[in-house]
Amino acid sequence: MSLYTLDEATPEFTEMTFIAPDASLIGRVRIGAFSSVWFNSVLRGDMEHISIGDETSFQDLSMGHSDPGFPLIIGNRVTVGHHCVMHGCEVEDDCLIGMGAILMNGVKIGRGSIVGAGAVVLEGTEVPP
């Protein structure tokens, strides 16, 4: 795995977290217990923090970014499918984000929701629980 300190912030995760050997974690990133970040994924906490809860799977080739005023917050027991792009959004507990989905700044996905594969969720959209 590639860990990058940025502005004195180093990614944080527990011994019970799986990080694939070629995943990249940059800056203000925190990953909870029993979570996983899979192959060729990137979590870039340069503009704001990124927080991933417990028992969450961030699958292969997915990208997580933050923008000023828009941290990326992913709850517990969330599955982020392969090849997703997530920009400064919030996903509550027990959600499924389908493969190839794109979530823009300010999106909020309510607890237990499903975002279909290939969906584009536009900036500021709120999906209720």
N, C-alpha and C. Protein backbone atom coordinates (compact mmCIF):
# COMPACT_ATOMS: atom_id res chain seq x y z
N MET A 1 0.84 -1.18 0.00
CA MET A 1 0.00 0.00 0.00
C MET A 1 0.88 1.23 0.00
N SER A 2 0.33 2.29 -0.53
CA SER A 2 1.04 3.57 -0.53
C SER A 2 0.35 4.50 0.45
N LEU A 3 1.10 4.93 1.47
CA LEU A 3 0.60 5.88 2.46
C LEU A 3 1.35 7.17 2.27
N TYR A 4 0.62 8.27 2.15
CA TYR A 4 1.25 9.57 1.95
C TYR A 4 0.82 10.53 3.05
N THR A 5 1.80 11.12 3.71
CA THR A 5 1.53 12.18 4.66
C THR A 5 1.39 13.47 3.88
N LEU A 6 0.37 14.25 4.21
CA LEU A 6 0.13 15.50 3.51
C LEU A 6 -0.23 16.55 4.56
N ASP A 7 0.49 17.66 4.56
CA ASP A 7 0.27 18.71 5.56
C ASP A 7 0.26 18.14 6.97
N GLU A 8 1.20 17.27 7.25
CA GLU A 8 1.40 16.64 8.56
C GLU A 8 0.28 15.68 8.95
N ALA A 9 -0.61 15.34 8.04
CA ALA A 9 -1.68 14.38 8.30
C ALA A 9 -1.34 13.05 7.63
N THR A 10 -1.37 11.99 8.42
CA THR A 10 -1.06 10.65 7.93
C THR A 10 -2.31 9.78 8.03
N PRO A 11 -2.61 8.96 7.02
CA PRO A 11 -3.78 8.08 7.09
C PRO A 11 -3.74 7.20 8.34
N GLU A 12 -4.94 6.93 8.89
CA GLU A 12 -5.07 6.13 10.10
C GLU A 12 -6.01 4.96 9.85
N PHE A 13 -5.61 3.77 10.33
CA PHE A 13 -6.45 2.59 10.25
C PHE A 13 -5.96 1.59 11.29
N THR A 14 -6.77 0.60 11.61
CA THR A 14 -6.42 -0.37 12.64
C THR A 14 -5.75 -1.60 12.02
N GLU A 15 -5.22 -2.45 12.88
CA GLU A 15 -4.64 -3.72 12.42
C GLU A 15 -5.70 -4.63 11.82
N MET A 16 -6.96 -4.35 12.12
CA MET A 16 -8.06 -5.18 11.63
C MET A 16 -8.65 -4.62 10.34
N THR A 17 -7.89 -3.78 9.65
CA THR A 17 -8.31 -3.19 8.38
C THR A 17 -7.46 -3.79 7.27
N PHE A 18 -8.09 -4.20 6.17
CA PHE A 18 -7.33 -4.69 5.02
C PHE A 18 -7.15 -3.55 4.03
N ILE A 19 -5.89 -3.28 3.70
CA ILE A 19 -5.56 -2.30 2.66
C ILE A 19 -4.77 -3.06 1.60
N ALA A 20 -5.27 -3.10 0.37
CA ALA A 20 -4.59 -3.82 -0.71
C ALA A 20 -3.20 -3.23 -0.95
N PRO A 21 -2.27 -4.07 -1.41
CA PRO A 21 -0.89 -3.62 -1.60
C PRO A 21 -0.73 -2.43 -2.54
N ASP A 22 -1.64 -2.26 -3.50
CA ASP A 22 -1.49 -1.16 -4.45
C ASP A 22 -2.54 -0.06 -4.27
N ALA A 23 -3.24 -0.08 -3.14
CA ALA A 23 -4.16 1.02 -2.81
C ALA A 23 -3.35 2.21 -2.32
N SER A 24 -3.89 3.43 -2.49
CA SER A 24 -3.21 4.65 -2.05
C SER A 24 -4.09 5.41 -1.07
N LEU A 25 -3.52 5.75 0.09
CA LEU A 25 -4.19 6.55 1.10
C LEU A 25 -3.38 7.81 1.30
N ILE A 26 -4.03 8.96 1.17
CA ILE A 26 -3.31 10.23 1.14
C ILE A 26 -3.92 11.20 2.16
N GLY A 27 -3.11 11.70 3.07
CA GLY A 27 -3.52 12.77 3.98
C GLY A 27 -4.51 12.36 5.04
N ARG A 28 -5.55 13.17 5.22
CA ARG A 28 -6.51 13.03 6.32
C ARG A 28 -7.55 11.95 6.02
N VAL A 29 -7.13 10.70 6.19
CA VAL A 29 -7.98 9.55 5.93
C VAL A 29 -8.03 8.71 7.20
N ARG A 30 -9.24 8.33 7.63
CA ARG A 30 -9.41 7.44 8.77
C ARG A 30 -10.33 6.30 8.36
N ILE A 31 -9.87 5.06 8.60
CA ILE A 31 -10.63 3.88 8.21
C ILE A 31 -10.88 3.02 9.44
N GLY A 32 -12.13 2.60 9.64
CA GLY A 32 -12.53 1.84 10.82
C GLY A 32 -12.14 0.37 10.77
N ALA A 33 -12.42 -0.30 11.88
CA ALA A 33 -12.07 -1.72 12.07
C ALA A 33 -12.87 -2.61 11.12
N PHE A 34 -12.22 -3.66 10.68
CA PHE A 34 -12.81 -4.69 9.82
C PHE A 34 -13.29 -4.13 8.48
N SER A 35 -12.77 -2.99 8.09
CA SER A 35 -13.05 -2.42 6.78
C SER A 35 -11.97 -2.83 5.80
N SER A 36 -12.21 -2.57 4.51
CA SER A 36 -11.23 -2.96 3.50
C SER A 36 -11.20 -1.93 2.37
N VAL A 37 -10.00 -1.72 1.85
CA VAL A 37 -9.78 -0.86 0.69
C VAL A 37 -9.07 -1.74 -0.33
N TRP A 38 -9.70 -1.97 -1.47
CA TRP A 38 -9.23 -2.98 -2.40
C TRP A 38 -8.31 -2.41 -3.48
N PHE A 39 -7.89 -3.28 -4.37
CA PHE A 39 -6.82 -3.03 -5.32
C PHE A 39 -7.06 -1.81 -6.20
N ASN A 40 -5.99 -1.02 -6.35
CA ASN A 40 -5.95 0.18 -7.19
C ASN A 40 -6.95 1.26 -6.78
N SER A 41 -7.41 1.23 -5.55
CA SER A 41 -8.29 2.29 -5.06
C SER A 41 -7.47 3.42 -4.47
N VAL A 42 -8.06 4.63 -4.48
CA VAL A 42 -7.38 5.81 -3.95
C VAL A 42 -8.35 6.55 -3.02
N LEU A 43 -7.86 6.91 -1.84
CA LEU A 43 -8.58 7.78 -0.92
C LEU A 43 -7.69 8.99 -0.68
N ARG A 44 -8.12 10.14 -1.18
CA ARG A 44 -7.28 11.35 -1.14
C ARG A 44 -7.91 12.41 -0.24
N GLY A 45 -7.42 12.47 0.99
CA GLY A 45 -7.91 13.44 1.96
C GLY A 45 -7.03 14.66 2.00
N ASP A 46 -7.01 15.41 0.92
CA ASP A 46 -6.13 16.58 0.85
C ASP A 46 -6.87 17.88 1.16
N MET A 47 -8.08 18.06 0.66
CA MET A 47 -8.82 19.31 0.85
C MET A 47 -9.67 19.29 2.13
N GLU A 48 -10.19 18.13 2.48
CA GLU A 48 -10.97 17.88 3.70
C GLU A 48 -10.68 16.45 4.12
N HIS A 49 -11.23 16.04 5.26
CA HIS A 49 -10.96 14.69 5.75
C HIS A 49 -11.85 13.66 5.04
N ILE A 50 -11.40 12.41 5.12
CA ILE A 50 -12.17 11.26 4.67
C ILE A 50 -12.32 10.33 5.85
N SER A 51 -13.55 9.91 6.13
CA SER A 51 -13.82 9.01 7.24
C SER A 51 -14.62 7.82 6.71
N ILE A 52 -14.10 6.62 6.95
CA ILE A 52 -14.78 5.39 6.56
C ILE A 52 -15.03 4.59 7.83
N GLY A 53 -16.27 4.18 8.04
CA GLY A 53 -16.66 3.48 9.26
C GLY A 53 -16.17 2.05 9.33
N ASP A 54 -16.73 1.31 10.27
CA ASP A 54 -16.37 -0.09 10.50
C ASP A 54 -17.11 -1.00 9.51
N GLU A 55 -16.46 -2.11 9.18
CA GLU A 55 -17.05 -3.16 8.35
C GLU A 55 -17.52 -2.64 6.99
N THR A 56 -16.77 -1.72 6.43
CA THR A 56 -17.10 -1.12 5.13
C THR A 56 -16.10 -1.59 4.09
N SER A 57 -16.59 -1.86 2.88
CA SER A 57 -15.75 -2.33 1.79
C SER A 57 -15.70 -1.28 0.69
N PHE A 58 -14.51 -0.77 0.42
CA PHE A 58 -14.27 0.21 -0.65
C PHE A 58 -13.54 -0.56 -1.74
N GLN A 59 -14.28 -0.97 -2.77
CA GLN A 59 -13.78 -1.99 -3.68
C GLN A 59 -12.87 -1.46 -4.79
N ASP A 60 -12.35 -2.42 -5.55
CA ASP A 60 -11.31 -2.19 -6.55
C ASP A 60 -11.59 -0.99 -7.46
N LEU A 61 -10.53 -0.22 -7.73
CA LEU A 61 -10.52 0.89 -8.68
C LEU A 61 -11.43 2.06 -8.29
N SER A 62 -11.88 2.12 -7.05
CA SER A 62 -12.73 3.23 -6.63
C SER A 62 -11.88 4.40 -6.15
N MET A 63 -12.45 5.61 -6.31
CA MET A 63 -11.74 6.84 -5.95
C MET A 63 -12.58 7.63 -4.97
N GLY A 64 -11.96 8.05 -3.88
CA GLY A 64 -12.63 8.90 -2.91
C GLY A 64 -11.85 10.19 -2.74
N HIS A 65 -12.52 11.31 -2.93
CA HIS A 65 -11.88 12.62 -2.84
C HIS A 65 -12.72 13.52 -1.95
N SER A 66 -12.13 14.61 -1.52
CA SER A 66 -12.86 15.64 -0.79
C SER A 66 -12.56 16.98 -1.44
N ASP A 67 -13.44 17.92 -1.21
CA ASP A 67 -13.26 19.29 -1.71
C ASP A 67 -13.45 20.24 -0.54
N PRO A 68 -12.98 21.49 -0.63
CA PRO A 68 -13.16 22.43 0.47
C PRO A 68 -14.64 22.54 0.87
N GLY A 69 -14.90 22.27 2.15
CA GLY A 69 -16.26 22.31 2.66
C GLY A 69 -17.06 21.04 2.44
N PHE A 70 -16.45 20.05 1.79
CA PHE A 70 -17.13 18.80 1.48
C PHE A 70 -16.26 17.60 1.84
N PRO A 71 -16.25 17.18 3.11
CA PRO A 71 -15.53 15.97 3.47
C PRO A 71 -16.24 14.75 2.87
N LEU A 72 -15.53 13.64 2.78
CA LEU A 72 -16.13 12.38 2.36
C LEU A 72 -16.35 11.54 3.60
N ILE A 73 -17.61 11.21 3.88
CA ILE A 73 -17.95 10.44 5.08
C ILE A 73 -18.75 9.22 4.64
N ILE A 74 -18.20 8.05 4.94
CA ILE A 74 -18.85 6.78 4.59
C ILE A 74 -19.07 6.03 5.90
N GLY A 75 -20.29 5.60 6.16
CA GLY A 75 -20.65 4.99 7.43
C GLY A 75 -20.20 3.56 7.60
N ASN A 76 -20.85 2.88 8.54
CA ASN A 76 -20.56 1.49 8.87
C ASN A 76 -21.33 0.55 7.94
N ARG A 77 -20.71 -0.59 7.64
CA ARG A 77 -21.35 -1.65 6.86
C ARG A 77 -21.83 -1.16 5.49
N VAL A 78 -21.01 -0.36 4.85
CA VAL A 78 -21.31 0.15 3.51
C VAL A 78 -20.47 -0.63 2.50
N THR A 79 -21.05 -0.95 1.37
CA THR A 79 -20.29 -1.52 0.26
C THR A 79 -20.25 -0.48 -0.85
N VAL A 80 -19.03 -0.10 -1.24
CA VAL A 80 -18.81 0.78 -2.38
C VAL A 80 -18.28 -0.11 -3.49
N GLY A 81 -19.08 -0.30 -4.53
CA GLY A 81 -18.73 -1.23 -5.61
C GLY A 81 -17.51 -0.79 -6.41
N HIS A 82 -17.05 -1.69 -7.26
CA HIS A 82 -15.88 -1.45 -8.09
C HIS A 82 -16.05 -0.19 -8.94
N HIS A 83 -14.97 0.54 -9.10
CA HIS A 83 -14.86 1.66 -10.05
C HIS A 83 -15.83 2.81 -9.77
N CYS A 84 -16.10 3.08 -8.50
CA CYS A 84 -16.94 4.23 -8.13
C CYS A 84 -16.09 5.47 -7.97
N VAL A 85 -16.73 6.63 -8.12
CA VAL A 85 -16.09 7.92 -7.83
C VAL A 85 -16.98 8.61 -6.81
N MET A 86 -16.37 8.99 -5.70
CA MET A 86 -17.11 9.64 -4.62
C MET A 86 -16.40 10.94 -4.26
N HIS A 87 -17.11 12.06 -4.43
CA HIS A 87 -16.54 13.39 -4.18
C HIS A 87 -17.31 14.05 -3.05
N GLY A 88 -16.68 14.32 -1.94
CA GLY A 88 -17.25 15.14 -0.88
C GLY A 88 -18.70 14.89 -0.57
N CYS A 89 -19.05 13.63 -0.28
CA CYS A 89 -20.43 13.28 -0.01
C CYS A 89 -20.52 12.51 1.31
N GLU A 90 -21.75 12.21 1.72
CA GLU A 90 -21.97 11.43 2.94
C GLU A 90 -22.85 10.24 2.62
N VAL A 91 -22.40 9.06 3.03
CA VAL A 91 -23.17 7.83 2.87
C VAL A 91 -23.38 7.26 4.27
N GLU A 92 -24.64 7.17 4.68
CA GLU A 92 -24.94 6.67 6.02
C GLU A 92 -24.78 5.15 6.07
N ASP A 93 -24.97 4.58 7.26
CA ASP A 93 -24.76 3.15 7.51
C ASP A 93 -25.62 2.27 6.61
N ASP A 94 -25.11 1.05 6.36
CA ASP A 94 -25.85 -0.04 5.73
C ASP A 94 -26.31 0.26 4.30
N CYS A 95 -25.50 0.97 3.54
CA CYS A 95 -25.83 1.30 2.15
C CYS A 95 -25.03 0.46 1.17
N LEU A 96 -25.53 0.38 -0.04
CA LEU A 96 -24.82 -0.24 -1.16
C LEU A 96 -24.70 0.81 -2.26
N ILE A 97 -23.47 1.07 -2.68
CA ILE A 97 -23.21 1.96 -3.81
C ILE A 97 -22.78 1.06 -4.96
N GLY A 98 -23.60 0.97 -6.00
CA GLY A 98 -23.37 0.04 -7.09
C GLY A 98 -22.13 0.36 -7.91
N MET A 99 -21.64 -0.65 -8.61
CA MET A 99 -20.43 -0.51 -9.41
C MET A 99 -20.53 0.65 -10.39
N GLY A 100 -19.47 1.44 -10.46
CA GLY A 100 -19.38 2.53 -11.42
C GLY A 100 -20.21 3.75 -11.09
N ALA A 101 -20.82 3.79 -9.91
CA ALA A 101 -21.62 4.96 -9.54
C ALA A 101 -20.72 6.17 -9.28
N ILE A 102 -21.27 7.35 -9.51
CA ILE A 102 -20.57 8.61 -9.26
C ILE A 102 -21.44 9.44 -8.32
N LEU A 103 -20.85 9.85 -7.19
CA LEU A 103 -21.55 10.69 -6.21
C LEU A 103 -20.78 12.00 -6.10
N MET A 104 -21.45 13.11 -6.36
CA MET A 104 -20.81 14.42 -6.40
C MET A 104 -20.85 15.11 -5.03
N ASN A 105 -20.24 16.30 -4.95
CA ASN A 105 -20.18 17.07 -3.71
C ASN A 105 -21.57 17.31 -3.13
N GLY A 106 -21.65 17.19 -1.80
CA GLY A 106 -22.88 17.53 -1.09
C GLY A 106 -23.97 16.49 -1.16
N VAL A 107 -23.73 15.36 -1.80
CA VAL A 107 -24.72 14.29 -1.86
C VAL A 107 -24.82 13.66 -0.47
N LYS A 108 -26.05 13.30 -0.08
CA LYS A 108 -26.25 12.56 1.16
C LYS A 108 -27.14 11.36 0.86
N ILE A 109 -26.60 10.18 1.13
CA ILE A 109 -27.32 8.93 0.90
C ILE A 109 -27.77 8.41 2.27
N GLY A 110 -29.09 8.29 2.47
CA GLY A 110 -29.65 7.90 3.75
C GLY A 110 -29.44 6.43 4.08
N ARG A 111 -29.50 6.13 5.35
CA ARG A 111 -29.26 4.79 5.89
C ARG A 111 -30.07 3.73 5.13
N GLY A 112 -29.38 2.64 4.77
CA GLY A 112 -30.02 1.49 4.14
C GLY A 112 -30.36 1.66 2.67
N SER A 113 -29.90 2.73 2.06
CA SER A 113 -30.24 3.00 0.65
C SER A 113 -29.34 2.24 -0.31
N ILE A 114 -29.82 2.09 -1.53
CA ILE A 114 -29.05 1.47 -2.61
C ILE A 114 -28.96 2.48 -3.75
N VAL A 115 -27.73 2.70 -4.23
CA VAL A 115 -27.50 3.51 -5.43
C VAL A 115 -27.14 2.53 -6.53
N GLY A 116 -27.88 2.52 -7.61
CA GLY A 116 -27.69 1.55 -8.67
C GLY A 116 -26.37 1.68 -9.40
N ALA A 117 -25.92 0.57 -9.97
CA ALA A 117 -24.68 0.56 -10.75
C ALA A 117 -24.77 1.58 -11.87
N GLY A 118 -23.70 2.34 -12.06
CA GLY A 118 -23.62 3.32 -13.13
C GLY A 118 -24.38 4.61 -12.89
N ALA A 119 -25.02 4.75 -11.74
CA ALA A 119 -25.80 5.96 -11.45
C ALA A 119 -24.88 7.16 -11.29
N VAL A 120 -25.39 8.33 -11.65
CA VAL A 120 -24.72 9.60 -11.38
C VAL A 120 -25.64 10.38 -10.45
N VAL A 121 -25.17 10.62 -9.22
CA VAL A 121 -25.97 11.35 -8.24
C VAL A 121 -25.43 12.77 -8.21
N LEU A 122 -26.25 13.71 -8.65
CA LEU A 122 -25.81 15.09 -8.87
C LEU A 122 -25.59 15.85 -7.56
N GLU A 123 -24.76 16.87 -7.65
CA GLU A 123 -24.37 17.68 -6.51
C GLU A 123 -25.57 18.13 -5.68
N GLY A 124 -25.46 17.91 -4.36
CA GLY A 124 -26.48 18.36 -3.43
C GLY A 124 -27.70 17.47 -3.30
N THR A 125 -27.76 16.37 -4.03
CA THR A 125 -28.91 15.47 -3.95
C THR A 125 -28.95 14.77 -2.60
N GLU A 126 -30.15 14.64 -2.03
CA GLU A 126 -30.33 13.89 -0.79
C GLU A 126 -31.27 12.73 -1.05
N VAL A 127 -30.80 11.52 -0.74
CA VAL A 127 -31.60 10.31 -0.88
C VAL A 127 -32.04 9.92 0.53
N PRO A 128 -33.34 9.91 0.81
CA PRO A 128 -33.79 9.61 2.18
C PRO A 128 -33.54 8.14 2.53
N PRO A 129 -33.53 7.88 3.85
CA PRO A 129 -33.35 6.48 4.30
C PRO A 129 -34.44 5.57 3.76
